[in-house]
Protein backbone atom coordinates (compact mmCIF):
# COMPACT_ATOMS: atom_id res chain seq x y z
CA UNK A 1 68.76 69.22 113.22
CA UNK A 2 72.16 70.30 114.80
CA UNK A 3 72.53 70.66 118.61
CA UNK A 4 73.39 74.34 118.10
CA UNK A 5 70.07 75.05 116.33
CA UNK A 6 68.18 73.19 118.93
CA UNK A 7 69.98 75.26 121.48
CA UNK A 8 68.88 78.42 119.90
CA UNK A 9 65.26 77.22 119.59
CA UNK A 10 65.06 76.09 123.29
CA UNK A 11 65.85 79.80 124.03
CA UNK A 12 63.44 81.10 121.36
CA UNK A 13 66.31 83.11 119.70
CA UNK A 14 65.31 82.26 116.20
CA UNK A 15 63.94 85.83 115.54
CA UNK A 16 67.48 87.03 116.28
CA UNK A 17 68.97 84.59 113.78
CA UNK A 18 66.41 85.80 111.21
CA UNK A 19 67.51 89.38 111.69
CA UNK A 20 71.13 88.44 111.56
CA UNK A 21 70.53 86.93 108.30
CA UNK A 22 68.82 90.10 107.08
CA UNK A 23 71.85 92.09 108.36
CA UNK A 24 74.14 89.84 106.27
CA UNK A 25 72.16 90.26 103.30
CA UNK A 26 72.14 93.99 103.75
CA UNK A 27 75.92 94.10 104.27
CA UNK A 28 76.36 92.02 101.00
CA UNK A 29 74.24 94.69 99.11
CA UNK A 30 76.47 97.41 100.32
CA UNK A 31 79.48 95.58 99.13
CA UNK A 32 77.85 94.74 95.74
CA UNK A 33 76.79 98.47 95.23
CA UNK A 34 80.29 99.62 96.29
CA UNK A 35 81.58 97.60 93.36
CA UNK A 36 79.03 99.13 91.07
CA UNK A 37 79.76 102.60 92.30
CA UNK A 38 83.49 102.30 91.60
CA UNK A 39 82.91 100.81 88.01
CA UNK A 40 80.36 103.32 87.22
CA UNK A 41 82.35 106.22 88.52
CA UNK A 42 85.43 105.16 86.57
CA UNK A 43 83.32 104.78 83.39
CA UNK A 44 81.96 108.19 83.94
CA UNK A 45 78.42 106.96 84.18
CA UNK A 46 77.29 109.49 86.77
CA UNK A 47 73.66 108.53 87.08
CA UNK A 48 74.55 104.79 87.78
CA UNK A 49 77.35 105.87 90.14
CA UNK A 50 75.03 108.15 92.06
CA UNK A 51 72.35 105.55 92.47
CA UNK A 52 74.88 103.07 93.63
CA UNK A 53 76.32 105.46 96.17
CA UNK A 54 72.70 106.17 97.51
CA UNK A 55 72.05 102.46 97.74
CA UNK A 56 75.36 102.03 99.77
CA UNK A 57 74.18 104.80 102.13
CA UNK A 58 70.76 103.26 102.58
CA UNK A 59 72.29 99.80 103.07
CA UNK A 60 74.73 101.00 105.75
CA UNK A 61 71.79 102.74 107.67
CA UNK A 62 69.56 99.64 107.42
CA UNK A 63 72.56 97.55 108.78
CA UNK A 64 72.92 99.87 111.62
CA UNK A 65 69.21 99.73 112.33
CA UNK A 66 69.21 95.88 112.24
CA UNK A 67 72.27 95.71 114.42
CA UNK A 68 70.66 97.81 117.11
CA UNK A 69 67.55 95.70 117.04
CA UNK A 70 69.51 92.61 117.42
CA UNK A 71 71.48 94.08 120.25
CA UNK A 72 68.34 95.19 122.08
CA UNK A 73 66.74 91.68 121.70
CA UNK A 74 69.94 89.89 122.81
CA UNK A 75 70.19 92.15 125.90
CA UNK A 76 66.73 91.28 126.96
CA UNK A 77 66.83 87.61 125.87
CA UNK A 78 67.56 84.37 127.50
CA UNK A 79 71.05 83.72 126.15
CA UNK A 80 73.73 83.27 128.72
CA UNK A 81 76.15 86.26 129.06
CA UNK A 82 78.99 84.75 127.26
CA UNK A 83 76.96 83.69 124.31
CA UNK A 84 75.07 87.19 124.21
CA UNK A 85 78.41 88.85 124.19
CA UNK A 86 79.74 86.53 121.35
CA UNK A 87 76.79 87.35 119.19
CA UNK A 88 77.12 91.05 119.80
CA UNK A 89 80.68 91.06 118.93
CA UNK A 90 79.95 89.35 115.80
CA UNK A 91 77.24 91.71 114.77
CA UNK A 92 79.56 94.74 115.41
CA UNK A 93 82.21 93.05 113.20
CA UNK A 94 79.85 92.30 110.25
CA UNK A 95 78.48 95.78 110.61
CA UNK A 96 81.84 97.28 110.04
CA UNK A 97 81.98 95.83 106.47
CA UNK A 98 79.05 98.03 105.54
CA UNK A 99 80.47 101.11 107.48
CA UNK A 100 83.78 100.75 105.37
CA UNK A 101 81.83 100.52 102.14
CA UNK A 102 80.04 103.84 103.06
CA UNK A 103 83.23 105.50 103.79
CA UNK A 104 84.71 104.25 100.41
CA UNK A 105 81.85 105.84 98.53
CA UNK A 106 82.26 109.10 100.38
CA UNK A 107 85.86 109.25 99.32
CA UNK A 108 85.17 107.99 95.73
CA UNK A 109 82.66 110.88 95.24
CA UNK A 110 85.22 113.55 95.67
CA UNK A 111 88.06 112.13 93.50
CA UNK A 112 88.11 113.91 90.06
CA UNK A 113 88.10 111.12 87.52
CA UNK A 114 89.98 113.15 85.01
CA UNK A 115 92.99 113.03 87.32
CA UNK A 116 92.61 109.28 88.21
CA UNK A 117 95.29 107.25 86.34
CA UNK A 118 93.96 104.27 84.35
CA UNK A 119 96.38 101.93 85.98
CA UNK A 120 94.89 102.96 89.47
CA UNK A 121 91.39 102.67 88.19
CA UNK A 122 92.12 99.08 87.38
CA UNK A 123 93.64 98.46 90.65
CA UNK A 124 90.54 99.83 92.55
CA UNK A 125 88.21 97.68 90.49
CA UNK A 126 90.38 94.61 91.37
CA UNK A 127 90.19 95.47 95.00
CA UNK A 128 86.44 95.88 95.15
CA UNK A 129 86.02 92.79 93.30
CA UNK A 130 88.27 91.10 95.97
CA UNK A 131 86.12 92.49 98.83
CA UNK A 132 82.91 91.26 97.24
CA UNK A 133 84.44 87.71 97.21
CA UNK A 134 85.39 88.21 100.92
CA UNK A 135 81.83 89.27 101.81
CA UNK A 136 80.29 86.55 100.04
CA UNK A 137 82.40 84.00 101.83
CA UNK A 138 81.74 85.84 105.22
CA UNK A 139 78.10 85.44 104.58
CA UNK A 140 78.40 81.70 104.05
CA UNK A 141 80.43 81.42 107.16
CA UNK A 142 78.07 83.21 109.48
CA UNK A 143 74.98 81.61 107.83
CA UNK A 144 76.30 78.05 108.45
CA UNK A 145 78.01 78.39 111.85
CA UNK A 146 75.03 76.97 113.71
CA UNK A 147 73.87 74.31 111.34
CA UNK A 148 77.07 73.25 109.64
CA UNK A 149 79.97 74.48 111.77
CA UNK A 150 82.44 72.59 109.58
CA UNK A 151 81.41 74.40 106.52
CA UNK A 152 81.44 77.63 108.36
CA UNK A 153 85.13 77.06 109.33
CA UNK A 154 85.99 76.32 105.71
CA UNK A 155 84.31 79.47 104.57
CA UNK A 156 86.10 81.46 107.22
CA UNK A 157 89.43 79.94 105.92
CA UNK A 158 88.40 81.04 102.47
CA UNK A 159 87.71 84.60 103.82
CA UNK A 160 91.25 84.69 105.18
CA UNK A 161 92.76 83.67 101.90
CA UNK A 162 90.79 86.14 100.05
CA UNK A 163 91.61 89.03 102.35
CA UNK A 164 95.27 88.20 101.87
CA UNK A 165 94.75 88.70 98.03
CA UNK A 166 93.14 92.07 98.67
CA UNK A 167 96.18 92.97 100.92
CA UNK A 168 98.44 92.12 98.01
CA UNK A 169 96.31 94.17 95.65
CA UNK A 170 96.44 97.08 98.13
CA UNK A 171 100.34 96.70 98.24
CA UNK A 172 100.44 96.75 94.37
CA UNK A 173 98.10 99.74 94.24
CA UNK A 174 100.26 101.72 96.58
CA UNK A 175 103.26 100.83 94.42
CA UNK A 176 101.54 102.12 91.30
CA UNK A 177 100.50 105.34 93.09
CA UNK A 178 104.07 106.10 93.99
CA UNK A 179 105.02 106.09 90.33
CA UNK A 180 102.38 108.64 89.29
CA UNK A 181 104.73 111.56 89.97
CA UNK A 182 102.48 114.01 88.12
CA UNK A 183 99.48 113.49 90.48
CA UNK A 184 98.47 116.52 92.57
CA UNK A 185 99.12 115.87 96.02
CA UNK A 186 95.53 116.11 97.17
CA UNK A 187 94.30 113.60 94.54
CA UNK A 188 97.00 111.27 95.39
CA UNK A 189 96.03 111.48 99.12
CA UNK A 190 92.35 110.83 98.23
CA UNK A 191 93.15 107.81 95.98
CA UNK A 192 95.39 106.31 98.69
CA UNK A 193 92.40 106.77 101.17
CA UNK A 194 90.11 105.00 98.84
CA UNK A 195 92.33 102.14 98.66
CA UNK A 196 92.76 102.02 102.51
CA UNK A 197 89.13 102.09 103.08
CA UNK A 198 88.34 99.30 100.49
CA UNK A 199 91.14 97.28 102.11
CA UNK A 200 89.62 98.06 105.46
CA UNK A 201 86.26 96.43 104.28
CA UNK A 202 88.21 93.24 103.48
CA UNK A 203 89.87 93.36 106.86
CA UNK A 204 86.42 93.76 108.56
CA UNK A 205 85.29 90.44 106.78
CA UNK A 206 88.37 88.69 108.14
CA UNK A 207 87.68 90.12 111.71
CA UNK A 208 84.08 88.75 111.63
CA UNK A 209 85.17 85.36 110.57
CA UNK A 210 87.80 85.22 113.28
CA UNK A 211 84.93 85.76 115.82
CA UNK A 212 82.83 82.94 113.90
CA UNK A 213 85.80 80.59 114.81
CA UNK A 214 85.62 81.74 118.44
CA UNK A 215 81.92 81.06 118.61
CA UNK A 216 82.21 77.66 117.00
CA UNK A 217 85.10 76.55 119.29
CA UNK A 218 83.16 77.58 122.34
CA UNK A 219 80.30 75.38 121.27
């Protein structure tokens, strides 16, 4: 058993770790359902898209609830102030991934698909698939930071590489958007906002992994 796990157990914080794992799983569900929502919307499968959007909404609310519970338990727990602050910051950063997924579905729901160019549809699918890869690597990094910190750091490096790929996709998507001269201004603005919020979800994954590095270095 690693020293960090023993450290947590001595302070009886395993309940917090369990809830953090649930928070991670819920966040991952939000990302996966964002991907489903984008693909279903693009394919004009309204029922499937609606269901996926509703699940993202529920996942985001559940993630918020778990975050508040963990914050409350950390505030009244035995962790030293610095460690408590580290864990709280990490929770906030992971929670932002679910928040950006929810915001993405809000925007997606108001874009008229008949006006959504095929090239931009493909770009949006590529981006949400990239975010899902980022989130999966983030989950690995956070899950292993206590027991296997070297694996957590490798996963954090992977998140950084994957986030850079999503950045490249975002840049490509914006380039494609500028070529769509027949798009109504309002639709073009909403499509760009969709790209921005999806890219922000990837950024949030990277931000969370940056804090994983901080926690590991301090240990």
